[in-house]
Amino acid sequence: MIFYKFLKIFSKVILFPFIFLDRLKCISEWYFFKKCSPPAPHFIKQSLLLRHGIKNSIWVETGTYLGQTTKFLSEHFSFVHSIEPSKKCLRIAKRKLKFSKNVALYNGTSELCFEEICSSLKGDICFWLDGHYSEGITFKGVTDTPILFELDTIKKYLDNFSKTVILIDDIRTSHIDKKNYPPLSFYVNWADSVNMDWIIELDLFIIKSKGLPFYR
């Protein structure tokens, strides 16, 4: 474990110039060619997770995919519960997360796993809701997204949590796929119904307990 930590730090130092140049290239392409249209580069979304996440909180992620965001969250927060229904994605994610001791992975849909996790949680909780179908090897269930079920479940257990942050990814789907995704007004009304504040940044709908900052 000590060797792994040393190797991790050493790799970051050696690879930093290459990572910097790659990110500079991504930002340039996103700005000049895509005109900052969503989705944003992954590392920019990660910076939003850091800024809006509650220090030392527990995270619940729906849609592990290949484990990149899961690994990032595990390096900055106390614990991560992550749900992934695709066995293929989960196999890849497990290899990436084999040294991450503060991660619990669940193979199943949100409908099967999400409530059991929520019912066991106390303290400050952050949710990263990204469990929708997005082609490729991602899982497609009865519906393209479990977001309605997930928000209903969060509401059910919300009083058990101290402070809560909910980040919903790919909110543009409310405009481009109205058949399978709820409208923006649904999220606004949901936040109002539980007396929480909300904001949209980039392609994320962000809901936070009253008093938590949006800007730093």
N, C-alpha and C. Protein backbone atom coordinates (compact mmCIF):
# COMPACT_ATOMS: atom_id res chain seq x y z
N MET A 1 0.82 -1.20 0.00
CA MET A 1 0.00 0.00 0.00
C MET A 1 0.86 1.27 0.00
N ILE A 2 1.95 1.25 0.80
CA ILE A 2 2.86 2.40 0.84
C ILE A 2 3.52 2.58 -0.51
N PHE A 3 3.91 1.44 -1.13
CA PHE A 3 4.53 1.50 -2.46
C PHE A 3 3.56 2.07 -3.48
N TYR A 4 2.28 1.66 -3.37
CA TYR A 4 1.26 2.18 -4.30
C TYR A 4 1.10 3.68 -4.15
N LYS A 5 1.09 4.18 -2.91
CA LYS A 5 0.95 5.62 -2.69
C LYS A 5 2.15 6.38 -3.25
N PHE A 6 3.36 5.81 -3.03
CA PHE A 6 4.57 6.43 -3.57
C PHE A 6 4.52 6.47 -5.09
N LEU A 7 4.12 5.34 -5.69
CA LEU A 7 4.03 5.25 -7.15
C LEU A 7 3.02 6.24 -7.70
N LYS A 8 1.92 6.41 -6.98
CA LYS A 8 0.87 7.34 -7.38
C LYS A 8 1.39 8.78 -7.39
N ILE A 9 2.10 9.18 -6.33
CA ILE A 9 2.66 10.53 -6.25
C ILE A 9 3.73 10.72 -7.31
N PHE A 10 4.60 9.72 -7.48
CA PHE A 10 5.67 9.80 -8.47
C PHE A 10 5.10 9.94 -9.88
N SER A 11 4.04 9.17 -10.16
CA SER A 11 3.42 9.22 -11.49
C SER A 11 2.82 10.58 -11.76
N LYS A 12 2.19 11.17 -10.74
CA LYS A 12 1.59 12.49 -10.90
C LYS A 12 2.65 13.54 -11.23
N VAL A 13 3.81 13.45 -10.58
CA VAL A 13 4.88 14.41 -10.82
C VAL A 13 5.42 14.25 -12.24
N ILE A 14 5.67 13.00 -12.64
CA ILE A 14 6.23 12.73 -13.97
C ILE A 14 5.24 13.10 -15.08
N LEU A 15 3.96 12.78 -14.85
CA LEU A 15 2.96 12.96 -15.90
C LEU A 15 2.36 14.35 -15.93
N PHE A 16 2.64 15.19 -14.93
CA PHE A 16 2.00 16.50 -14.84
C PHE A 16 2.10 17.32 -16.12
N PRO A 17 3.30 17.46 -16.74
CA PRO A 17 3.37 18.27 -17.97
C PRO A 17 2.48 17.76 -19.08
N PHE A 18 2.38 16.42 -19.20
CA PHE A 18 1.57 15.83 -20.26
C PHE A 18 0.08 16.02 -19.97
N ILE A 19 -0.30 15.86 -18.69
CA ILE A 19 -1.69 16.09 -18.29
C ILE A 19 -2.08 17.55 -18.53
N PHE A 20 -1.18 18.46 -18.16
CA PHE A 20 -1.43 19.89 -18.36
C PHE A 20 -1.67 20.22 -19.83
N LEU A 21 -0.81 19.70 -20.71
CA LEU A 21 -0.94 19.97 -22.14
C LEU A 21 -2.22 19.35 -22.71
N ASP A 22 -2.56 18.16 -22.21
CA ASP A 22 -3.78 17.49 -22.68
C ASP A 22 -5.02 18.28 -22.27
N ARG A 23 -5.01 18.79 -21.04
CA ARG A 23 -6.15 19.58 -20.56
C ARG A 23 -6.25 20.91 -21.30
N LEU A 24 -5.11 21.49 -21.59
CA LEU A 24 -5.08 22.74 -22.35
C LEU A 24 -5.68 22.52 -23.74
N LYS A 25 -5.35 21.40 -24.35
CA LYS A 25 -5.90 21.03 -25.66
C LYS A 25 -7.42 20.85 -25.57
N CYS A 26 -7.88 20.16 -24.51
CA CYS A 26 -9.32 19.92 -24.33
C CYS A 26 -10.08 21.24 -24.15
N ILE A 27 -9.54 22.13 -23.34
CA ILE A 27 -10.20 23.41 -23.10
C ILE A 27 -10.24 24.24 -24.39
N SER A 28 -9.15 24.23 -25.14
CA SER A 28 -9.09 24.99 -26.39
C SER A 28 -10.13 24.49 -27.38
N GLU A 29 -10.23 23.17 -27.52
CA GLU A 29 -11.22 22.60 -28.44
C GLU A 29 -12.63 22.91 -27.98
N TRP A 30 -12.86 22.80 -26.66
CA TRP A 30 -14.18 23.07 -26.10
C TRP A 30 -14.58 24.52 -26.31
N TYR A 31 -13.63 25.42 -26.17
CA TYR A 31 -13.91 26.85 -26.29
C TYR A 31 -14.03 27.28 -27.75
N PHE A 32 -13.06 26.93 -28.56
CA PHE A 32 -13.00 27.46 -29.93
C PHE A 32 -13.91 26.71 -30.90
N PHE A 33 -14.03 25.40 -30.75
CA PHE A 33 -14.79 24.61 -31.71
C PHE A 33 -16.21 24.27 -31.24
N LYS A 34 -16.36 24.01 -29.94
CA LYS A 34 -17.67 23.65 -29.42
C LYS A 34 -18.40 24.83 -28.77
N LYS A 35 -17.71 25.98 -28.71
CA LYS A 35 -18.31 27.20 -28.12
C LYS A 35 -18.83 26.96 -26.71
N CYS A 36 -18.11 26.14 -25.96
CA CYS A 36 -18.45 25.80 -24.56
C CYS A 36 -19.81 25.13 -24.42
N SER A 37 -20.25 24.46 -25.47
CA SER A 37 -21.52 23.73 -25.37
C SER A 37 -21.31 22.43 -24.60
N PRO A 38 -22.36 21.93 -23.94
CA PRO A 38 -22.20 20.70 -23.15
C PRO A 38 -22.06 19.48 -24.05
N PRO A 39 -21.39 18.43 -23.52
CA PRO A 39 -20.82 18.33 -22.18
C PRO A 39 -19.46 19.00 -22.07
N ALA A 40 -19.12 19.48 -20.88
CA ALA A 40 -17.82 20.07 -20.62
C ALA A 40 -16.78 18.96 -20.48
N PRO A 41 -15.51 19.28 -20.67
CA PRO A 41 -14.46 18.29 -20.39
C PRO A 41 -14.61 17.71 -18.99
N HIS A 42 -14.26 16.44 -18.87
CA HIS A 42 -14.52 15.72 -17.63
C HIS A 42 -13.86 16.37 -16.42
N PHE A 43 -12.65 16.87 -16.58
CA PHE A 43 -11.94 17.45 -15.43
C PHE A 43 -12.59 18.75 -14.96
N ILE A 44 -13.32 19.42 -15.85
CA ILE A 44 -14.05 20.63 -15.44
C ILE A 44 -15.26 20.23 -14.59
N LYS A 45 -15.94 19.17 -14.98
CA LYS A 45 -17.04 18.67 -14.14
C LYS A 45 -16.52 18.24 -12.77
N GLN A 46 -15.36 17.62 -12.75
CA GLN A 46 -14.78 17.20 -11.48
C GLN A 46 -14.53 18.39 -10.56
N SER A 47 -14.13 19.52 -11.13
CA SER A 47 -13.90 20.71 -10.30
C SER A 47 -15.20 21.19 -9.67
N LEU A 48 -16.33 20.99 -10.36
CA LEU A 48 -17.63 21.35 -9.78
C LEU A 48 -17.99 20.42 -8.63
N LEU A 49 -17.66 19.14 -8.78
CA LEU A 49 -17.91 18.20 -7.68
C LEU A 49 -17.12 18.60 -6.44
N LEU A 50 -15.89 19.03 -6.64
CA LEU A 50 -15.07 19.48 -5.51
C LEU A 50 -15.64 20.74 -4.87
N ARG A 51 -16.05 21.68 -5.71
CA ARG A 51 -16.52 22.96 -5.18
C ARG A 51 -17.85 22.82 -4.45
N HIS A 52 -18.74 21.99 -4.97
CA HIS A 52 -20.06 21.88 -4.37
C HIS A 52 -20.16 20.76 -3.34
N GLY A 53 -19.20 19.84 -3.33
CA GLY A 53 -19.22 18.75 -2.36
C GLY A 53 -18.98 19.26 -0.94
N ILE A 54 -19.59 18.60 0.02
CA ILE A 54 -19.42 18.95 1.43
C ILE A 54 -18.19 18.23 1.96
N LYS A 55 -17.33 18.94 2.64
CA LYS A 55 -16.09 18.37 3.16
C LYS A 55 -16.39 17.17 4.06
N ASN A 56 -15.64 16.09 3.86
CA ASN A 56 -15.75 14.85 4.64
C ASN A 56 -17.11 14.17 4.53
N SER A 57 -17.82 14.46 3.47
CA SER A 57 -19.15 13.86 3.29
C SER A 57 -19.06 12.47 2.66
N ILE A 58 -20.18 11.76 2.75
CA ILE A 58 -20.35 10.49 2.05
C ILE A 58 -21.05 10.77 0.72
N TRP A 59 -20.56 10.12 -0.33
CA TRP A 59 -21.15 10.29 -1.67
C TRP A 59 -21.90 9.04 -2.09
N VAL A 60 -23.01 9.26 -2.81
CA VAL A 60 -23.73 8.17 -3.47
C VAL A 60 -23.76 8.51 -4.96
N GLU A 61 -23.19 7.62 -5.75
CA GLU A 61 -23.10 7.82 -7.20
C GLU A 61 -23.96 6.78 -7.91
N THR A 62 -24.77 7.22 -8.84
CA THR A 62 -25.49 6.27 -9.69
C THR A 62 -24.89 6.36 -11.10
N GLY A 63 -24.43 5.22 -11.58
CA GLY A 63 -23.74 5.19 -12.86
C GLY A 63 -22.23 5.23 -12.68
N THR A 64 -21.67 4.13 -12.15
CA THR A 64 -20.22 4.04 -11.97
C THR A 64 -19.49 4.18 -13.29
N TYR A 65 -20.08 3.61 -14.32
CA TYR A 65 -19.50 3.51 -15.66
C TYR A 65 -18.13 2.83 -15.54
N LEU A 66 -17.03 3.48 -15.89
CA LEU A 66 -15.71 2.85 -15.83
C LEU A 66 -14.93 3.21 -14.57
N GLY A 67 -15.57 3.95 -13.67
CA GLY A 67 -14.97 4.22 -12.36
C GLY A 67 -14.12 5.46 -12.26
N GLN A 68 -14.08 6.27 -13.31
CA GLN A 68 -13.22 7.45 -13.28
C GLN A 68 -13.68 8.47 -12.23
N THR A 69 -14.97 8.81 -12.25
CA THR A 69 -15.49 9.76 -11.26
C THR A 69 -15.49 9.15 -9.86
N THR A 70 -15.78 7.87 -9.78
CA THR A 70 -15.76 7.17 -8.49
C THR A 70 -14.38 7.28 -7.84
N LYS A 71 -13.35 7.05 -8.62
CA LYS A 71 -11.98 7.13 -8.11
C LYS A 71 -11.66 8.56 -7.66
N PHE A 72 -12.08 9.53 -8.47
CA PHE A 72 -11.83 10.93 -8.14
C PHE A 72 -12.50 11.29 -6.80
N LEU A 73 -13.75 10.90 -6.63
CA LEU A 73 -14.47 11.20 -5.40
C LEU A 73 -13.82 10.51 -4.20
N SER A 74 -13.36 9.28 -4.39
CA SER A 74 -12.75 8.53 -3.29
C SER A 74 -11.45 9.18 -2.82
N GLU A 75 -10.80 9.93 -3.70
CA GLU A 75 -9.54 10.58 -3.34
C GLU A 75 -9.75 11.90 -2.60
N HIS A 76 -10.99 12.40 -2.59
CA HIS A 76 -11.24 13.71 -1.99
C HIS A 76 -12.30 13.71 -0.89
N PHE A 77 -13.02 12.60 -0.74
CA PHE A 77 -14.09 12.55 0.25
C PHE A 77 -14.00 11.25 1.05
N SER A 78 -14.81 11.16 2.11
CA SER A 78 -14.61 10.08 3.08
C SER A 78 -15.03 8.70 2.57
N PHE A 79 -16.14 8.62 1.82
CA PHE A 79 -16.60 7.31 1.35
C PHE A 79 -17.51 7.50 0.13
N VAL A 80 -17.49 6.50 -0.75
CA VAL A 80 -18.30 6.55 -1.97
C VAL A 80 -19.07 5.25 -2.14
N HIS A 81 -20.39 5.34 -2.23
CA HIS A 81 -21.24 4.23 -2.66
C HIS A 81 -21.55 4.44 -4.14
N SER A 82 -21.30 3.44 -4.96
CA SER A 82 -21.50 3.63 -6.40
C SER A 82 -22.26 2.45 -7.00
N ILE A 83 -23.31 2.77 -7.76
CA ILE A 83 -24.19 1.77 -8.34
C ILE A 83 -23.96 1.68 -9.85
N GLU A 84 -23.78 0.47 -10.36
CA GLU A 84 -23.60 0.26 -11.80
C GLU A 84 -24.31 -1.04 -12.22
N PRO A 85 -25.33 -0.94 -13.09
CA PRO A 85 -26.05 -2.14 -13.50
C PRO A 85 -25.34 -2.97 -14.57
N SER A 86 -24.41 -2.37 -15.30
CA SER A 86 -23.71 -3.09 -16.37
C SER A 86 -22.56 -3.91 -15.79
N LYS A 87 -22.60 -5.22 -15.99
CA LYS A 87 -21.52 -6.09 -15.49
C LYS A 87 -20.20 -5.79 -16.19
N LYS A 88 -20.26 -5.45 -17.47
CA LYS A 88 -19.05 -5.14 -18.22
C LYS A 88 -18.38 -3.88 -17.68
N CYS A 89 -19.17 -2.83 -17.48
CA CYS A 89 -18.62 -1.59 -16.92
C CYS A 89 -18.05 -1.81 -15.53
N LEU A 90 -18.76 -2.61 -14.74
CA LEU A 90 -18.33 -2.83 -13.36
C LEU A 90 -17.01 -3.59 -13.30
N ARG A 91 -16.81 -4.54 -14.20
CA ARG A 91 -15.54 -5.27 -14.23
C ARG A 91 -14.37 -4.31 -14.48
N ILE A 92 -14.56 -3.39 -15.41
CA ILE A 92 -13.51 -2.41 -15.73
C ILE A 92 -13.28 -1.48 -14.52
N ALA A 93 -14.39 -1.03 -13.92
CA ALA A 93 -14.30 -0.12 -12.78
C ALA A 93 -13.59 -0.77 -11.60
N LYS A 94 -13.85 -2.04 -11.35
CA LYS A 94 -13.23 -2.74 -10.22
C LYS A 94 -11.72 -2.79 -10.36
N ARG A 95 -11.23 -2.94 -11.59
CA ARG A 95 -9.79 -2.95 -11.81
C ARG A 95 -9.20 -1.58 -11.49
N LYS A 96 -9.91 -0.53 -11.89
CA LYS A 96 -9.43 0.83 -11.64
C LYS A 96 -9.47 1.18 -10.16
N LEU A 97 -10.38 0.56 -9.42
CA LEU A 97 -10.62 0.93 -8.02
C LEU A 97 -10.08 -0.10 -7.03
N LYS A 98 -9.22 -1.00 -7.48
CA LYS A 98 -8.80 -2.10 -6.61
C LYS A 98 -8.02 -1.63 -5.38
N PHE A 99 -7.42 -0.45 -5.44
CA PHE A 99 -6.70 0.07 -4.28
C PHE A 99 -7.51 1.11 -3.50
N SER A 100 -8.72 1.35 -3.91
CA SER A 100 -9.58 2.34 -3.24
C SER A 100 -10.39 1.65 -2.16
N LYS A 101 -9.97 1.81 -0.92
CA LYS A 101 -10.59 1.09 0.19
C LYS A 101 -11.86 1.77 0.71
N ASN A 102 -12.11 2.99 0.30
CA ASN A 102 -13.29 3.72 0.77
C ASN A 102 -14.38 3.79 -0.30
N VAL A 103 -14.50 2.71 -1.08
CA VAL A 103 -15.51 2.63 -2.14
C VAL A 103 -16.28 1.32 -1.99
N ALA A 104 -17.62 1.41 -2.08
CA ALA A 104 -18.47 0.23 -2.12
C ALA A 104 -19.19 0.22 -3.47
N LEU A 105 -19.01 -0.85 -4.23
CA LEU A 105 -19.63 -0.96 -5.56
C LEU A 105 -20.82 -1.91 -5.49
N TYR A 106 -21.88 -1.54 -6.21
CA TYR A 106 -23.11 -2.33 -6.23
C TYR A 106 -23.48 -2.65 -7.67
N ASN A 107 -23.63 -3.91 -7.98
CA ASN A 107 -24.05 -4.31 -9.33
C ASN A 107 -25.56 -4.47 -9.35
N GLY A 108 -26.24 -3.48 -9.89
CA GLY A 108 -27.69 -3.51 -9.96
C GLY A 108 -28.20 -2.16 -10.42
N THR A 109 -29.49 -2.06 -10.61
CA THR A 109 -30.10 -0.80 -11.00
C THR A 109 -30.35 0.07 -9.77
N SER A 110 -30.64 1.34 -10.00
CA SER A 110 -31.00 2.22 -8.89
C SER A 110 -32.24 1.69 -8.19
N GLU A 111 -33.18 1.16 -8.97
CA GLU A 111 -34.42 0.64 -8.40
C GLU A 111 -34.16 -0.50 -7.41
N LEU A 112 -33.06 -1.23 -7.62
CA LEU A 112 -32.74 -2.35 -6.75
C LEU A 112 -31.85 -1.96 -5.57
N CYS A 113 -30.95 -1.00 -5.77
CA CYS A 113 -29.90 -0.73 -4.78
C CYS A 113 -30.01 0.60 -4.05
N PHE A 114 -30.61 1.60 -4.70
CA PHE A 114 -30.51 2.97 -4.21
C PHE A 114 -31.17 3.17 -2.84
N GLU A 115 -32.35 2.64 -2.66
CA GLU A 115 -33.06 2.87 -1.39
C GLU A 115 -32.35 2.21 -0.22
N GLU A 116 -31.81 1.03 -0.42
CA GLU A 116 -31.10 0.35 0.67
C GLU A 116 -29.91 1.18 1.13
N ILE A 117 -29.21 1.81 0.19
CA ILE A 117 -28.07 2.66 0.55
C ILE A 117 -28.56 3.89 1.30
N CYS A 118 -29.56 4.57 0.73
CA CYS A 118 -30.06 5.81 1.35
C CYS A 118 -30.57 5.59 2.76
N SER A 119 -31.22 4.46 2.98
CA SER A 119 -31.81 4.20 4.29
C SER A 119 -30.76 3.98 5.37
N SER A 120 -29.52 3.71 4.96
CA SER A 120 -28.45 3.44 5.93
C SER A 120 -27.59 4.67 6.23
N LEU A 121 -27.88 5.80 5.57
CA LEU A 121 -26.98 6.95 5.65
C LEU A 121 -27.38 7.95 6.73
N LYS A 122 -26.37 8.55 7.33
CA LYS A 122 -26.53 9.65 8.28
C LYS A 122 -25.46 10.69 7.98
N GLY A 123 -25.63 11.89 8.52
CA GLY A 123 -24.61 12.92 8.38
C GLY A 123 -24.74 13.70 7.08
N ASP A 124 -23.63 14.27 6.61
CA ASP A 124 -23.62 15.06 5.38
C ASP A 124 -23.50 14.13 4.17
N ILE A 125 -24.45 14.26 3.24
CA ILE A 125 -24.52 13.34 2.11
C ILE A 125 -24.55 14.13 0.80
N CYS A 126 -23.76 13.64 -0.16
CA CYS A 126 -23.77 14.21 -1.51
C CYS A 126 -24.17 13.13 -2.51
N PHE A 127 -24.98 13.50 -3.48
CA PHE A 127 -25.42 12.57 -4.51
C PHE A 127 -24.93 13.03 -5.89
N TRP A 128 -24.37 12.10 -6.63
CA TRP A 128 -23.99 12.34 -8.03
C TRP A 128 -24.85 11.40 -8.87
N LEU A 129 -25.89 11.98 -9.49
CA LEU A 129 -26.89 11.18 -10.19
C LEU A 129 -26.61 11.22 -11.70
N ASP A 130 -26.03 10.13 -12.17
CA ASP A 130 -25.60 10.04 -13.57
C ASP A 130 -25.86 8.64 -14.12
N GLY A 131 -26.96 8.05 -13.65
CA GLY A 131 -27.22 6.65 -13.98
C GLY A 131 -28.11 6.43 -15.18
N HIS A 132 -28.12 7.37 -16.11
CA HIS A 132 -29.00 7.24 -17.27
C HIS A 132 -28.31 6.52 -18.43
N TYR A 133 -29.10 6.04 -19.36
CA TYR A 133 -28.58 5.38 -20.57
C TYR A 133 -27.98 6.44 -21.49
N SER A 134 -26.77 6.17 -21.99
CA SER A 134 -26.15 7.11 -22.93
C SER A 134 -25.40 6.38 -24.04
N GLU A 135 -26.05 5.34 -24.56
CA GLU A 135 -25.55 4.56 -25.70
C GLU A 135 -24.28 3.80 -25.34
N GLY A 136 -23.65 3.21 -26.34
CA GLY A 136 -22.43 2.44 -26.09
C GLY A 136 -22.69 1.26 -25.18
N ILE A 137 -21.81 1.06 -24.21
CA ILE A 137 -21.94 -0.08 -23.29
C ILE A 137 -22.72 0.27 -22.03
N THR A 138 -23.28 1.48 -21.97
CA THR A 138 -24.07 1.85 -20.79
C THR A 138 -25.36 1.05 -20.75
N PHE A 139 -25.87 0.86 -19.56
CA PHE A 139 -27.05 0.02 -19.32
C PHE A 139 -28.34 0.74 -19.71
N LYS A 140 -29.22 0.00 -20.39
CA LYS A 140 -30.54 0.55 -20.72
C LYS A 140 -31.60 -0.30 -20.04
N GLY A 141 -32.33 0.31 -19.12
CA GLY A 141 -33.37 -0.40 -18.41
C GLY A 141 -34.74 -0.17 -19.03
N VAL A 142 -35.76 -0.33 -18.23
CA VAL A 142 -37.13 -0.11 -18.70
C VAL A 142 -37.31 1.35 -19.13
N THR A 143 -36.69 2.26 -18.38
CA THR A 143 -36.67 3.67 -18.75
C THR A 143 -35.23 4.09 -19.00
N ASP A 144 -35.04 5.21 -19.71
CA ASP A 144 -33.69 5.68 -20.00
C ASP A 144 -33.00 6.25 -18.77
N THR A 145 -33.79 6.68 -17.80
CA THR A 145 -33.20 7.28 -16.60
C THR A 145 -34.01 6.92 -15.36
N PRO A 146 -33.34 6.63 -14.26
CA PRO A 146 -34.04 6.34 -13.00
C PRO A 146 -34.21 7.59 -12.13
N ILE A 147 -34.06 8.77 -12.70
CA ILE A 147 -33.99 9.99 -11.90
C ILE A 147 -35.25 10.24 -11.07
N LEU A 148 -36.42 9.91 -11.59
CA LEU A 148 -37.66 10.12 -10.82
C LEU A 148 -37.66 9.24 -9.57
N PHE A 149 -37.27 8.00 -9.74
CA PHE A 149 -37.20 7.08 -8.59
C PHE A 149 -36.15 7.56 -7.59
N GLU A 150 -35.00 8.00 -8.09
CA GLU A 150 -33.91 8.43 -7.22
C GLU A 150 -34.31 9.64 -6.38
N LEU A 151 -34.94 10.62 -7.00
CA LEU A 151 -35.35 11.82 -6.26
C LEU A 151 -36.47 11.51 -5.27
N ASP A 152 -37.38 10.64 -5.65
CA ASP A 152 -38.44 10.22 -4.71
C ASP A 152 -37.82 9.54 -3.48
N THR A 153 -36.80 8.73 -3.71
CA THR A 153 -36.15 8.02 -2.62
C THR A 153 -35.37 8.99 -1.72
N ILE A 154 -34.67 9.94 -2.33
CA ILE A 154 -33.95 10.94 -1.54
C ILE A 154 -34.91 11.73 -0.66
N LYS A 155 -36.04 12.11 -1.23
CA LYS A 155 -37.04 12.86 -0.45
C LYS A 155 -37.52 12.04 0.75
N LYS A 156 -37.66 10.75 0.55
CA LYS A 156 -38.14 9.86 1.61
C LYS A 156 -37.19 9.84 2.81
N TYR A 157 -35.88 9.94 2.56
CA TYR A 157 -34.90 9.81 3.64
C TYR A 157 -34.17 11.13 3.94
N LEU A 158 -34.63 12.21 3.35
CA LEU A 158 -33.92 13.49 3.46
C LEU A 158 -33.76 13.96 4.91
N ASP A 159 -34.76 13.71 5.73
CA ASP A 159 -34.70 14.15 7.13
C ASP A 159 -33.63 13.42 7.94
N ASN A 160 -33.14 12.31 7.42
CA ASN A 160 -32.08 11.56 8.12
C ASN A 160 -30.70 12.19 7.92
N PHE A 161 -30.58 13.07 6.93
CA PHE A 161 -29.28 13.64 6.60
C PHE A 161 -29.11 15.00 7.27
N SER A 162 -27.88 15.36 7.55
CA SER A 162 -27.60 16.68 8.15
C SER A 162 -27.69 17.76 7.07
N LYS A 163 -26.77 17.71 6.12
CA LYS A 163 -26.79 18.59 4.96
C LYS A 163 -26.69 17.74 3.70
N THR A 164 -27.29 18.24 2.64
CA THR A 164 -27.38 17.43 1.43
C THR A 164 -27.06 18.24 0.19
N VAL A 165 -26.32 17.62 -0.71
CA VAL A 165 -26.06 18.19 -2.04
C VAL A 165 -26.43 17.14 -3.07
N ILE A 166 -27.16 17.55 -4.10
CA ILE A 166 -27.56 16.65 -5.18
C ILE A 166 -27.10 17.27 -6.50
N LEU A 167 -26.27 16.55 -7.23
CA LEU A 167 -25.82 17.01 -8.54
C LEU A 167 -26.35 16.05 -9.60
N ILE A 168 -27.13 16.58 -10.53
CA ILE A 168 -27.73 15.77 -11.59
C ILE A 168 -27.04 16.11 -12.90
N ASP A 169 -26.40 15.12 -13.49
CA ASP A 169 -25.60 15.36 -14.69
C ASP A 169 -26.45 15.33 -15.96
N ASP A 170 -25.91 15.94 -17.01
CA ASP A 170 -26.51 15.91 -18.35
C ASP A 170 -27.93 16.46 -18.37
N ILE A 171 -28.11 17.61 -17.73
CA ILE A 171 -29.45 18.19 -17.62
C ILE A 171 -29.98 18.66 -18.98
N ARG A 172 -29.09 18.77 -19.97
CA ARG A 172 -29.52 19.15 -21.32
C ARG A 172 -30.51 18.16 -21.91
N THR A 173 -30.53 16.94 -21.37
CA THR A 173 -31.47 15.93 -21.88
C THR A 173 -32.92 16.36 -21.68
N SER A 174 -33.16 17.27 -20.73
CA SER A 174 -34.52 17.77 -20.53
C SER A 174 -35.02 18.54 -21.75
N HIS A 175 -34.08 19.07 -22.53
CA HIS A 175 -34.44 19.81 -23.75
C HIS A 175 -34.39 18.92 -24.99
N ILE A 176 -33.40 18.04 -25.06
CA ILE A 176 -33.18 17.31 -26.31
C ILE A 176 -33.89 15.95 -26.35
N ASP A 177 -34.39 15.47 -25.22
CA ASP A 177 -35.11 14.20 -25.19
C ASP A 177 -36.29 14.30 -24.23
N LYS A 178 -37.26 15.10 -24.61
CA LYS A 178 -38.40 15.37 -23.73
C LYS A 178 -39.28 14.15 -23.50
N LYS A 179 -39.16 13.16 -24.38
CA LYS A 179 -39.96 11.95 -24.23
C LYS A 179 -39.50 11.11 -23.04
N ASN A 180 -38.20 11.09 -22.81
CA ASN A 180 -37.64 10.18 -21.79
C ASN A 180 -37.14 10.86 -20.53
N TYR A 181 -37.07 12.20 -20.52
CA TYR A 181 -36.53 12.91 -19.37
C TYR A 181 -37.51 13.98 -18.89
N PRO A 182 -37.59 14.21 -17.58
CA PRO A 182 -38.51 15.23 -17.06
C PRO A 182 -38.06 16.63 -17.46
N PRO A 183 -38.98 17.58 -17.52
CA PRO A 183 -38.61 18.96 -17.86
C PRO A 183 -37.86 19.63 -16.72
N LEU A 184 -37.20 20.72 -17.03
CA LEU A 184 -36.47 21.47 -16.00
C LEU A 184 -37.38 21.89 -14.86
N SER A 185 -38.63 22.22 -15.18
CA SER A 185 -39.57 22.66 -14.15
C SER A 185 -39.77 21.59 -13.08
N PHE A 186 -39.63 20.32 -13.47
CA PHE A 186 -39.78 19.24 -12.49
C PHE A 186 -38.72 19.36 -11.40
N TYR A 187 -37.47 19.60 -11.80
CA TYR A 187 -36.38 19.70 -10.83
C TYR A 187 -36.53 20.94 -9.95
N VAL A 188 -36.96 22.04 -10.57
CA VAL A 188 -37.18 23.27 -9.80
C VAL A 188 -38.27 23.04 -8.75
N ASN A 189 -39.37 22.45 -9.18
CA ASN A 189 -40.49 22.19 -8.25
C ASN A 189 -40.08 21.20 -7.16
N TRP A 190 -39.26 20.21 -7.52
CA TRP A 190 -38.81 19.23 -6.52
C TRP A 190 -37.97 19.94 -5.45
N ALA A 191 -37.03 20.77 -5.88
CA ALA A 191 -36.19 21.50 -4.92
C ALA A 191 -37.03 22.40 -4.02
N ASP A 192 -38.00 23.07 -4.59
CA ASP A 192 -38.87 23.93 -3.80
C ASP A 192 -39.69 23.13 -2.80
N SER A 193 -40.10 21.92 -3.20
CA SER A 193 -40.96 21.10 -2.33
C SER A 193 -40.23 20.61 -1.08
N VAL A 194 -38.91 20.55 -1.14
CA VAL A 194 -38.13 20.10 0.03
C VAL A 194 -37.33 21.26 0.63
N ASN A 195 -37.68 22.49 0.22
CA ASN A 195 -37.07 23.70 0.78
C ASN A 195 -35.55 23.73 0.61
N MET A 196 -35.10 23.42 -0.61
CA MET A 196 -33.68 23.45 -0.93
C MET A 196 -33.42 24.45 -2.05
N ASP A 197 -32.19 24.95 -2.10
CA ASP A 197 -31.81 25.89 -3.15
C ASP A 197 -31.30 25.13 -4.37
N TRP A 198 -31.33 25.80 -5.52
CA TRP A 198 -30.86 25.13 -6.74
C TRP A 198 -30.18 26.13 -7.67
N ILE A 199 -29.39 25.57 -8.58
CA ILE A 199 -28.71 26.37 -9.60
C ILE A 199 -28.34 25.43 -10.75
N ILE A 200 -28.17 25.99 -11.93
CA ILE A 200 -27.66 25.22 -13.07
C ILE A 200 -26.28 25.76 -13.42
N GLU A 201 -25.30 24.86 -13.44
CA GLU A 201 -23.95 25.22 -13.87
C GLU A 201 -23.52 24.22 -14.93
N LEU A 202 -23.01 24.77 -16.05
CA LEU A 202 -22.63 23.94 -17.17
C LEU A 202 -23.80 23.02 -17.52
N ASP A 203 -23.64 21.71 -17.38
CA ASP A 203 -24.71 20.77 -17.72
C ASP A 203 -25.24 20.06 -16.49
N LEU A 204 -25.10 20.70 -15.33
CA LEU A 204 -25.50 20.10 -14.06
C LEU A 204 -26.63 20.89 -13.41
N PHE A 205 -27.62 20.17 -12.93
CA PHE A 205 -28.64 20.77 -12.07
C PHE A 205 -28.22 20.45 -10.65
N ILE A 206 -27.98 21.49 -9.85
CA ILE A 206 -27.40 21.33 -8.52
C ILE A 206 -28.40 21.79 -7.46
N ILE A 207 -28.69 20.92 -6.51
CA ILE A 207 -29.64 21.19 -5.43
C ILE A 207 -28.89 21.08 -4.11
N LYS A 208 -29.06 22.10 -3.23
CA LYS A 208 -28.29 22.11 -1.99
C LYS A 208 -29.16 22.53 -0.81
N SER A 209 -28.82 22.01 0.35
CA SER A 209 -29.49 22.43 1.58
C SER A 209 -29.33 23.93 1.78
N LYS A 210 -30.33 24.55 2.37
CA LYS A 210 -30.27 25.99 2.65
C LYS A 210 -29.01 26.31 3.47
N GLY A 211 -28.34 27.40 3.09
CA GLY A 211 -27.16 27.83 3.82
C GLY A 211 -25.85 27.36 3.23
N LEU A 212 -25.88 26.32 2.38
CA LEU A 212 -24.65 25.87 1.74
C LEU A 212 -24.29 26.83 0.60
N PRO A 213 -23.02 27.18 0.47
CA PRO A 213 -22.63 28.17 -0.56
C PRO A 213 -22.65 27.57 -1.97
N PHE A 214 -22.96 28.42 -2.94
CA PHE A 214 -22.85 28.03 -4.34
C PHE A 214 -21.56 28.56 -4.96
N TYR A 215 -21.03 29.64 -4.38
CA TYR A 215 -19.83 30.27 -4.95
C TYR A 215 -18.77 30.41 -3.86
N ARG A 216 -17.50 30.32 -4.26
CA ARG A 216 -16.39 30.45 -3.32
C ARG A 216 -15.35 31.37 -3.93
